[in-house]
Every structure is written in structure tokens, then in C-alpha cells.
Amino acid sequence: MKAIALLEVQAMVAAITGLDAMVKAADVKLIHVEKRLGGRLVTVVVEGEVSAVKAALEAGALAAREVGKVKCCEVIARPHPDVMKFLTTG
């Protein structure tokens, strides 16, 4: 079953640190990055199997908290196709 994990952090360094931990911890793939407020608020989205995205999000949030502030994190199992369109839009 496919799922996505969203990790929203304050600061680009925390986002990169969290993303690095996520892709190293499990078999997930980066599908979207959203930067707001000049990069002061960053959301990274990865995709994979439910168990993989859960493990990746746990590792990513832990790593990001060591260097910055985690604002929100969430796993969405079987995201609706419209959600995926939203994430892959230019």
C-alpha cells in the first residue's frame, strides 16, 4: 500500500537534515518540496510503502528536531489521486 509522509520544519537546514535521515532510514522517495517565507518554513514530502514512510518520518522528525523546530509531521496512507496532483503540480 502506498503512502506519503509530510515533514514541515522551520529552516532549510532542519529540512535537509530531516530529509537526509528519512531517505537513509527507509525505502522512500522525495516527491515534493514546498518552501514558504523565504525558506524559513519548509515541507518535504516522501512516498513509499506505509511502513517505510512511517519509519522515515520518525527518523526525519528526530533528526530535524536536533537542529531546528519541527512544526508538523503526518503520514497519509493511500492518498487520494487529487492530493497527488496537488503535490506534483509545478
PDB file of N, CA and C in Angstrom:
ATOM      1  N   MET A   1       0.840  -1.175   0.000  1.00  0.00           N
ATOM      2  CA  MET A   1       0.000   0.000   0.000  1.00  0.00           C
ATOM      3  C   MET A   1       0.886   1.240   0.000  1.00  0.00           C
ATOM      4  N   LYS A   2       0.612   2.185  -0.873  1.00  0.00           N
ATOM      5  CA  LYS A   2       1.389   3.410  -0.956  1.00  0.00           C
ATOM      6  C   LYS A   2       0.927   4.421   0.085  1.00  0.00           C
ATOM      7  N   ALA A   3       1.868   5.280   0.480  1.00  0.00           N
ATOM      8  CA  ALA A   3       1.581   6.332   1.444  1.00  0.00           C
ATOM      9  C   ALA A   3       2.535   7.488   1.193  1.00  0.00           C
ATOM     10  N   ILE A   4       2.185   8.635   1.770  1.00  0.00           N
ATOM     11  CA  ILE A   4       3.096   9.772   1.754  1.00  0.00           C
ATOM     12  C   ILE A   4       3.334  10.220   3.189  1.00  0.00           C
ATOM     13  N   ALA A   5       4.484  10.813   3.417  1.00  0.00           N
ATOM     14  CA  ALA A   5       4.807  11.399   4.712  1.00  0.00           C
ATOM     15  C   ALA A   5       5.190  12.845   4.467  1.00  0.00           C
ATOM     16  N   LEU A   6       4.651  13.736   5.294  1.00  0.00           N
ATOM     17  CA  LEU A   6       4.946  15.156   5.208  1.00  0.00           C
ATOM     18  C   LEU A   6       5.679  15.582   6.475  1.00  0.00           C
ATOM     19  N   LEU A   7       6.793  16.269   6.294  1.00  0.00           N
ATOM     20  CA  LEU A   7       7.572  16.787   7.415  1.00  0.00           C
ATOM     21  C   LEU A   7       7.727  18.285   7.193  1.00  0.00           C
ATOM     22  N   GLU A   8       7.139  19.079   8.078  1.00  0.00           N
ATOM     23  CA  GLU A   8       7.215  20.534   7.968  1.00  0.00           C
ATOM     24  C   GLU A   8       8.084  21.054   9.102  1.00  0.00           C
ATOM     25  N   VAL A   9       9.106  21.810   8.721  1.00  0.00           N
ATOM     26  CA  VAL A   9      10.066  22.300   9.698  1.00  0.00           C
ATOM     27  C   VAL A   9      10.325  23.786   9.499  1.00  0.00           C
ATOM     28  N   GLN A  10      10.886  24.375  10.524  1.00  0.00           N
ATOM     29  CA  GLN A  10      11.299  25.761  10.448  1.00  0.00           C
ATOM     30  C   GLN A  10      12.780  25.759  10.091  1.00  0.00           C
ATOM     31  N   ALA A  11      13.143  26.298   8.950  1.00  0.00           N
ATOM     32  CA  ALA A  11      14.525  26.469   8.478  1.00  0.00           C
ATOM     33  C   ALA A  11      14.947  25.373   7.499  1.00  0.00           C
ATOM     34  N   MET A  12      15.657  25.800   6.493  1.00  0.00           N
ATOM     35  CA  MET A  12      16.127  24.909   5.437  1.00  0.00           C
ATOM     36  C   MET A  12      17.087  23.848   5.970  1.00  0.00           C
ATOM     37  N   VAL A  13      17.954  24.201   6.896  1.00  0.00           N
ATOM     38  CA  VAL A  13      18.916  23.232   7.429  1.00  0.00           C
ATOM     39  C   VAL A  13      18.188  22.078   8.108  1.00  0.00           C
ATOM     40  N   ALA A  14      17.160  22.378   8.872  1.00  0.00           N
ATOM     41  CA  ALA A  14      16.381  21.321   9.521  1.00  0.00           C
ATOM     42  C   ALA A  14      15.689  20.445   8.478  1.00  0.00           C
ATOM     43  N   ALA A  15      15.210  21.056   7.395  1.00  0.00           N
ATOM     44  CA  ALA A  15      14.551  20.290   6.333  1.00  0.00           C
ATOM     45  C   ALA A  15      15.524  19.326   5.664  1.00  0.00           C
ATOM     46  N   ILE A  16      16.702  19.807   5.350  1.00  0.00           N
ATOM     47  CA  ILE A  16      17.698  18.952   4.686  1.00  0.00           C
ATOM     48  C   ILE A  16      18.171  17.858   5.625  1.00  0.00           C
ATOM     49  N   THR A  17      18.387  18.187   6.881  1.00  0.00           N
ATOM     50  CA  THR A  17      18.800  17.187   7.866  1.00  0.00           C
ATOM     51  C   THR A  17      17.723  16.116   8.035  1.00  0.00           C
ATOM     52  N   GLY A  18      16.471  16.552   8.130  1.00  0.00           N
ATOM     53  CA  GLY A  18      15.359  15.611   8.263  1.00  0.00           C
ATOM     54  C   GLY A  18      15.201  14.736   7.036  1.00  0.00           C
ATOM     55  N   LEU A  19      15.289  15.352   5.858  1.00  0.00           N
ATOM     56  CA  LEU A  19      15.159  14.592   4.615  1.00  0.00           C
ATOM     57  C   LEU A  19      16.283  13.570   4.476  1.00  0.00           C
ATOM     58  N   ASP A  20      17.494  13.950   4.803  1.00  0.00           N
ATOM     59  CA  ASP A  20      18.618  13.017   4.736  1.00  0.00           C
ATOM     60  C   ASP A  20      18.362  11.796   5.613  1.00  0.00           C
ATOM     61  N   ALA A  21      17.873  12.045   6.823  1.00  0.00           N
ATOM     62  CA  ALA A  21      17.565  10.924   7.734  1.00  0.00           C
ATOM     63  C   ALA A  21      16.434  10.069   7.181  1.00  0.00           C
ATOM     64  N   MET A  22      15.448  10.698   6.556  1.00  0.00           N
ATOM     65  CA  MET A  22      14.301   9.955   6.023  1.00  0.00           C
ATOM     66  C   MET A  22      14.715   8.991   4.916  1.00  0.00           C
ATOM     67  N   VAL A  23      15.488   9.492   3.961  1.00  0.00           N
ATOM     68  CA  VAL A  23      15.850   8.630   2.826  1.00  0.00           C
ATOM     69  C   VAL A  23      16.881   7.577   3.211  1.00  0.00           C
ATOM     70  N   LYS A  24      17.639   7.816   4.272  1.00  0.00           N
ATOM     71  CA  LYS A  24      18.582   6.807   4.758  1.00  0.00           C
ATOM     72  C   LYS A  24      17.907   5.741   5.609  1.00  0.00           C
ATOM     73  N   ALA A  25      16.803   6.105   6.262  1.00  0.00           N
ATOM     74  CA  ALA A  25      16.152   5.194   7.206  1.00  0.00           C
ATOM     75  C   ALA A  25      15.256   4.157   6.537  1.00  0.00           C
ATOM     76  N   ALA A  26      14.722   4.476   5.371  1.00  0.00           N
ATOM     77  CA  ALA A  26      13.745   3.574   4.754  1.00  0.00           C
ATOM     78  C   ALA A  26      13.725   3.772   3.241  1.00  0.00           C
ATOM     79  N   ASP A  27      13.048   2.867   2.584  1.00  0.00           N
ATOM     80  CA  ASP A  27      12.936   2.911   1.123  1.00  0.00           C
ATOM     81  C   ASP A  27      11.821   3.881   0.726  1.00  0.00           C
ATOM     82  N   VAL A  28      12.165   5.183   0.741  1.00  0.00           N
ATOM     83  CA  VAL A  28      11.223   6.227   0.360  1.00  0.00           C
ATOM     84  C   VAL A  28      11.872   7.115  -0.686  1.00  0.00           C
ATOM     85  N   LYS A  29      11.023   7.868  -1.395  1.00  0.00           N
ATOM     86  CA  LYS A  29      11.493   8.737  -2.469  1.00  0.00           C
ATOM     87  C   LYS A  29      10.919  10.132  -2.265  1.00  0.00           C
ATOM     88  N   LEU A  30      11.757  11.146  -2.395  1.00  0.00           N
ATOM     89  CA  LEU A  30      11.310  12.531  -2.304  1.00  0.00           C
ATOM     90  C   LEU A  30      10.428  12.851  -3.510  1.00  0.00           C
ATOM     91  N   ILE A  31       9.223  13.391  -3.256  1.00  0.00           N
ATOM     92  CA  ILE A  31       8.344  13.741  -4.374  1.00  0.00           C
ATOM     93  C   ILE A  31       7.989  15.222  -4.407  1.00  0.00           C
ATOM     94  N   HIS A  32       8.214  15.948  -3.307  1.00  0.00           N
ATOM     95  CA  HIS A  32       7.816  17.352  -3.298  1.00  0.00           C
ATOM     96  C   HIS A  32       8.545  18.110  -2.193  1.00  0.00           C
ATOM     97  N   VAL A  33       8.882  19.357  -2.495  1.00  0.00           N
ATOM     98  CA  VAL A  33       9.429  20.285  -1.501  1.00  0.00           C
ATOM     99  C   VAL A  33       8.665  21.590  -1.645  1.00  0.00           C
ATOM    100  N   GLU A  34       8.211  22.111  -0.545  1.00  0.00           N
ATOM    101  CA  GLU A  34       7.477  23.377  -0.535  1.00  0.00           C
ATOM    102  C   GLU A  34       8.201  24.339   0.398  1.00  0.00           C
ATOM    103  N   LYS A  35       8.613  25.490  -0.129  1.00  0.00           N
ATOM    104  CA  LYS A  35       9.304  26.500   0.684  1.00  0.00           C
ATOM    105  C   LYS A  35       8.419  27.726   0.805  1.00  0.00           C
ATOM    106  N   ARG A  36       8.253  28.196   2.010  1.00  0.00           N
ATOM    107  CA  ARG A  36       7.464  29.398   2.283  1.00  0.00           C
ATOM    108  C   ARG A  36       8.284  30.349   3.144  1.00  0.00           C
ATOM    109  N   LEU A  37       7.885  31.578   3.128  1.00  0.00           N
ATOM    110  CA  LEU A  37       8.537  32.607   3.943  1.00  0.00           C
ATOM    111  C   LEU A  37      10.029  32.658   3.676  1.00  0.00           C
ATOM    112  N   GLY A  38      10.409  32.606   2.415  1.00  0.00           N
ATOM    113  CA  GLY A  38      11.817  32.691   2.056  1.00  0.00           C
ATOM    114  C   GLY A  38      12.650  31.521   2.542  1.00  0.00           C
ATOM    115  N   GLY A  39      12.038  30.361   2.676  1.00  0.00           N
ATOM    116  CA  GLY A  39      12.768  29.175   3.139  1.00  0.00           C
ATOM    117  C   GLY A  39      12.775  29.003   4.643  1.00  0.00           C
ATOM    118  N   ARG A  40      12.070  29.889   5.342  1.00  0.00           N
ATOM    119  CA  ARG A  40      12.016  29.747   6.802  1.00  0.00           C
ATOM    120  C   ARG A  40      11.033  28.674   7.235  1.00  0.00           C
ATOM    121  N   LEU A  41      10.124  28.280   6.340  1.00  0.00           N
ATOM    122  CA  LEU A  41       9.195  27.191   6.606  1.00  0.00           C
ATOM    123  C   LEU A  41       9.248  26.260   5.403  1.00  0.00           C
ATOM    124  N   VAL A  42       9.659  25.026   5.633  1.00  0.00           N
ATOM    125  CA  VAL A  42       9.881  24.081   4.542  1.00  0.00           C
ATOM    126  C   VAL A  42       9.130  22.781   4.840  1.00  0.00           C
ATOM    127  N   THR A  43       8.436  22.275   3.819  1.00  0.00           N
ATOM    128  CA  THR A  43       7.759  20.983   3.921  1.00  0.00           C
ATOM    129  C   THR A  43       8.361  20.051   2.885  1.00  0.00           C
ATOM    130  N   VAL A  44       8.770  18.876   3.324  1.00  0.00           N
ATOM    131  CA  VAL A  44       9.246  17.848   2.400  1.00  0.00           C
ATOM    132  C   VAL A  44       8.247  16.695   2.425  1.00  0.00           C
ATOM    133  N   VAL A  45       8.024  16.104   1.257  1.00  0.00           N
ATOM    134  CA  VAL A  45       7.067  15.005   1.135  1.00  0.00           C
ATOM    135  C   VAL A  45       7.780  13.825   0.494  1.00  0.00           C
ATOM    136  N   VAL A  46       7.686  12.668   1.141  1.00  0.00           N
ATOM    137  CA  VAL A  46       8.263  11.444   0.589  1.00  0.00           C
ATOM    138  C   VAL A  46       7.146  10.440   0.356  1.00  0.00           C
ATOM    139  N   GLU A  47       7.441   9.471  -0.501  1.00  0.00           N
ATOM    140  CA  GLU A  47       6.460   8.467  -0.887  1.00  0.00           C
ATOM    141  C   GLU A  47       7.077   7.081  -0.743  1.00  0.00           C
ATOM    142  N   GLY A  48       6.236   6.105  -0.404  1.00  0.00           N
ATOM    143  CA  GLY A  48       6.685   4.724  -0.303  1.00  0.00           C
ATOM    144  C   GLY A  48       5.593   3.876   0.313  1.00  0.00           C
ATOM    145  N   GLU A  49       5.968   2.694   0.743  1.00  0.00           N
ATOM    146  CA  GLU A  49       5.024   1.830   1.444  1.00  0.00           C
ATOM    147  C   GLU A  49       4.743   2.414   2.828  1.00  0.00           C
ATOM    148  N   VAL A  50       3.581   2.095   3.390  1.00  0.00           N
ATOM    149  CA  VAL A  50       3.161   2.683   4.658  1.00  0.00           C
ATOM    150  C   VAL A  50       4.218   2.494   5.745  1.00  0.00           C
ATOM    151  N   SER A  51       4.705   1.288   5.908  1.00  0.00           N
ATOM    152  CA  SER A  51       5.694   1.035   6.961  1.00  0.00           C
ATOM    153  C   SER A  51       6.981   1.825   6.729  1.00  0.00           C
ATOM    154  N   ALA A  52       7.364   1.970   5.471  1.00  0.00           N
ATOM    155  CA  ALA A  52       8.584   2.715   5.147  1.00  0.00           C
ATOM    156  C   ALA A  52       8.421   4.206   5.428  1.00  0.00           C
ATOM    157  N   VAL A  53       7.284   4.784   5.049  1.00  0.00           N
ATOM    158  CA  VAL A  53       7.117   6.219   5.295  1.00  0.00           C
ATOM    159  C   VAL A  53       6.970   6.515   6.781  1.00  0.00           C
ATOM    160  N   LYS A  54       6.369   5.604   7.527  1.00  0.00           N
ATOM    161  CA  LYS A  54       6.275   5.795   8.977  1.00  0.00           C
ATOM    162  C   LYS A  54       7.668   5.782   9.609  1.00  0.00           C
ATOM    163  N   ALA A  55       8.486   4.819   9.225  1.00  0.00           N
ATOM    164  CA  ALA A  55       9.851   4.741   9.761  1.00  0.00           C
ATOM    165  C   ALA A  55      10.670   5.959   9.333  1.00  0.00           C
ATOM    166  N   ALA A  56      10.515   6.354   8.079  1.00  0.00           N
ATOM    167  CA  ALA A  56      11.251   7.511   7.570  1.00  0.00           C
ATOM    168  C   ALA A  56      10.847   8.785   8.302  1.00  0.00           C
ATOM    169  N   LEU A  57       9.562   8.973   8.510  1.00  0.00           N
ATOM    170  CA  LEU A  57       9.089  10.181   9.185  1.00  0.00           C
ATOM    171  C   LEU A  57       9.578  10.240  10.619  1.00  0.00           C
ATOM    172  N   GLU A  58       9.565   9.122  11.288  1.00  0.00           N
ATOM    173  CA  GLU A  58      10.065   9.077  12.668  1.00  0.00           C
ATOM    174  C   GLU A  58      11.538   9.487  12.717  1.00  0.00           C
ATOM    175  N   ALA A  59      12.347   8.924  11.826  1.00  0.00           N
ATOM    176  CA  ALA A  59      13.773   9.250  11.779  1.00  0.00           C
ATOM    177  C   ALA A  59      13.994  10.700  11.363  1.00  0.00           C
ATOM    178  N   GLY A  60      13.224  11.171  10.379  1.00  0.00           N
ATOM    179  CA  GLY A  60      13.378  12.532   9.902  1.00  0.00           C
ATOM    180  C   GLY A  60      13.007  13.570  10.938  1.00  0.00           C
ATOM    181  N   ALA A  61      11.918  13.357  11.636  1.00  0.00           N
ATOM    182  CA  ALA A  61      11.487  14.294  12.674  1.00  0.00           C
ATOM    183  C   ALA A  61      12.502  14.347  13.812  1.00  0.00           C
ATOM    184  N   LEU A  62      13.019  13.200  14.202  1.00  0.00           N
ATOM    185  CA  LEU A  62      14.025  13.144  15.262  1.00  0.00           C
ATOM    186  C   LEU A  62      15.281  13.922  14.868  1.00  0.00           C
ATOM    187  N   ALA A  63      15.753  13.698  13.659  1.00  0.00           N
ATOM    188  CA  ALA A  63      16.959  14.388  13.186  1.00  0.00           C
ATOM    189  C   ALA A  63      16.720  15.890  13.045  1.00  0.00           C
ATOM    190  N   ALA A  64      15.578  16.271  12.518  1.00  0.00           N
ATOM    191  CA  ALA A  64      15.277  17.692  12.321  1.00  0.00           C
ATOM    192  C   ALA A  64      15.167  18.422  13.654  1.00  0.00           C
ATOM    193  N   ARG A  65      14.626  17.754  14.665  1.00  0.00           N
ATOM    194  CA  ARG A  65      14.490  18.373  15.996  1.00  0.00           C
ATOM    195  C   ARG A  65      15.843  18.673  16.625  1.00  0.00           C
ATOM    196  N   GLU A  66      16.866  17.952  16.217  1.00  0.00           N
ATOM    197  CA  GLU A  66      18.200  18.182  16.779  1.00  0.00           C
ATOM    198  C   GLU A  66      18.814  19.487  16.292  1.00  0.00           C
ATOM    199  N   VAL A  67      18.381  19.983  15.134  1.00  0.00           N
ATOM    200  CA  VAL A  67      18.981  21.204  14.582  1.00  0.00           C
ATOM    201  C   VAL A  67      17.982  22.334  14.381  1.00  0.00           C
ATOM    202  N   GLY A  68      16.693  22.072  14.580  1.00  0.00           N
ATOM    203  CA  GLY A  68      15.681  23.096  14.341  1.00  0.00           C
ATOM    204  C   GLY A  68      14.365  22.726  14.988  1.00  0.00           C
ATOM    205  N   LYS A  69      13.310  23.333  14.489  1.00  0.00           N
ATOM    206  CA  LYS A  69      11.984  23.126  15.062  1.00  0.00           C
ATOM    207  C   LYS A  69      11.078  22.417  14.055  1.00  0.00           C
ATOM    208  N   VAL A  70      10.479  21.321  14.487  1.00  0.00           N
ATOM    209  CA  VAL A  70       9.507  20.595  13.666  1.00  0.00           C
ATOM    210  C   VAL A  70       8.142  21.209  13.939  1.00  0.00           C
ATOM    211  N   LYS A  71       7.490  21.685  12.883  1.00  0.00           N
ATOM    212  CA  LYS A  71       6.173  22.311  13.026  1.00  0.00           C
ATOM    213  C   LYS A  71       5.057  21.266  12.965  1.00  0.00           C
ATOM    214  N   CYS A  72       5.191  20.289  12.054  1.00  0.00           N
ATOM    215  CA  CYS A  72       4.138  19.303  11.866  1.00  0.00           C
ATOM    216  C   CYS A  72       4.693  18.113  11.095  1.00  0.00           C
ATOM    217  N   CYS A  73       4.160  16.938  11.357  1.00  0.00           N
ATOM    218  CA  CYS A  73       4.505  15.772  10.550  1.00  0.00           C
ATOM    219  C   CYS A  73       3.291  14.851  10.504  1.00  0.00           C
ATOM    220  N   GLU A  74       3.122  14.223   9.337  1.00  0.00           N
ATOM    221  CA  GLU A  74       1.922  13.413   9.127  1.00  0.00           C
ATOM    222  C   GLU A  74       2.171  12.336   8.077  1.00  0.00           C
ATOM    223  N   VAL A  75       1.554  11.183   8.279  1.00  0.00           N
ATOM    224  CA  VAL A  75       1.545  10.109   7.285  1.00  0.00           C
ATOM    225  C   VAL A  75       0.132  10.001   6.732  1.00  0.00           C
ATOM    226  N   ILE A  76       0.021   9.927   5.420  1.00  0.00           N
ATOM    227  CA  ILE A  76      -1.278   9.730   4.773  1.00  0.00           C
ATOM    228  C   ILE A  76      -1.196   8.449   3.946  1.00  0.00           C
ATOM    229  N   ALA A  77      -1.917   7.430   4.392  1.00  0.00           N
ATOM    230  CA  ALA A  77      -1.956   6.167   3.658  1.00  0.00           C
ATOM    231  C   ALA A  77      -2.956   6.278   2.523  1.00  0.00           C
ATOM    232  N   ARG A  78      -2.627   5.681   1.395  1.00  0.00           N
ATOM    233  CA  ARG A  78      -3.484   5.670   0.216  1.00  0.00           C
ATOM    234  C   ARG A  78      -4.037   7.055  -0.104  1.00  0.00           C
ATOM    235  N   PRO A  79      -3.164   8.039  -0.338  1.00  0.00           N
ATOM    236  CA  PRO A  79      -3.668   9.387  -0.629  1.00  0.00           C
ATOM    237  C   PRO A  79      -4.535   9.400  -1.887  1.00  0.00           C
ATOM    238  N   HIS A  80      -5.554  10.207  -1.861  1.00  0.00           N
ATOM    239  CA  HIS A  80      -6.464  10.351  -2.999  1.00  0.00           C
ATOM    240  C   HIS A  80      -5.677  10.886  -4.197  1.00  0.00           C
ATOM    241  N   PRO A  81      -6.022  10.481  -5.416  1.00  0.00           N
ATOM    242  CA  PRO A  81      -5.318  10.972  -6.606  1.00  0.00           C
ATOM    243  C   PRO A  81      -5.269  12.504  -6.718  1.00  0.00           C
ATOM    244  N   ASP A  82      -6.301  13.199  -6.214  1.00  0.00           N
ATOM    245  CA  ASP A  82      -6.284  14.664  -6.250  1.00  0.00           C
ATOM    246  C   ASP A  82      -5.213  15.241  -5.338  1.00  0.00           C
ATOM    247  N   VAL A  83      -4.940  14.560  -4.237  1.00  0.00           N
ATOM    248  CA  VAL A  83      -3.857  15.001  -3.357  1.00  0.00           C
ATOM    249  C   VAL A  83      -2.517  14.873  -4.075  1.00  0.00           C
ATOM    250  N   MET A  84      -2.353  13.780  -4.783  1.00  0.00           N
ATOM    251  CA  MET A  84      -1.109  13.577  -5.528  1.00  0.00           C
ATOM    252  C   MET A  84      -0.945  14.609  -6.646  1.00  0.00           C
ATOM    253  N   LYS A  85      -2.042  14.992  -7.290  1.00  0.00           N
ATOM    254  CA  LYS A  85      -1.993  16.044  -8.310  1.00  0.00           C
ATOM    255  C   LYS A  85      -1.520  17.354  -7.684  1.00  0.00           C
ATOM    256  N   PHE A  86      -2.014  17.657  -6.510  1.00  0.00           N
ATOM    257  CA  PHE A  86      -1.625  18.866  -5.801  1.00  0.00           C
ATOM    258  C   PHE A  86      -0.126  18.881  -5.530  1.00  0.00           C
ATOM    259  N   LEU A  87       0.417  17.730  -5.162  1.00  0.00           N
ATOM    260  CA  LEU A  87       1.837  17.645  -4.819  1.00  0.00           C
ATOM    261  C   LEU A  87       2.745  17.667  -6.037  1.00  0.00           C
ATOM    262  N   THR A  88       2.247  17.249  -7.170  1.00  0.00           N
ATOM    263  CA  THR A  88       3.104  17.182  -8.363  1.00  0.00           C
ATOM    264  C   THR A  88       2.881  18.352  -9.317  1.00  0.00           C
ATOM    265  N   THR A  89       2.065  19.317  -8.922  1.00  0.00           N
ATOM    266  CA  THR A  89       1.827  20.486  -9.757  1.00  0.00           C
ATOM    267  C   THR A  89       3.016  21.431  -9.651  1.00  0.00           C
ATOM    268  N   GLY A  90       3.487  21.927 -10.812  1.00  0.00           N
ATOM    269  CA  GLY A  90       4.599  22.855 -10.931  1.00  0.00           C
ATOM    270  C   GLY A  90       4.815  23.701  -9.748  1.00  0.00           C
TER     271      GLY A  90
END
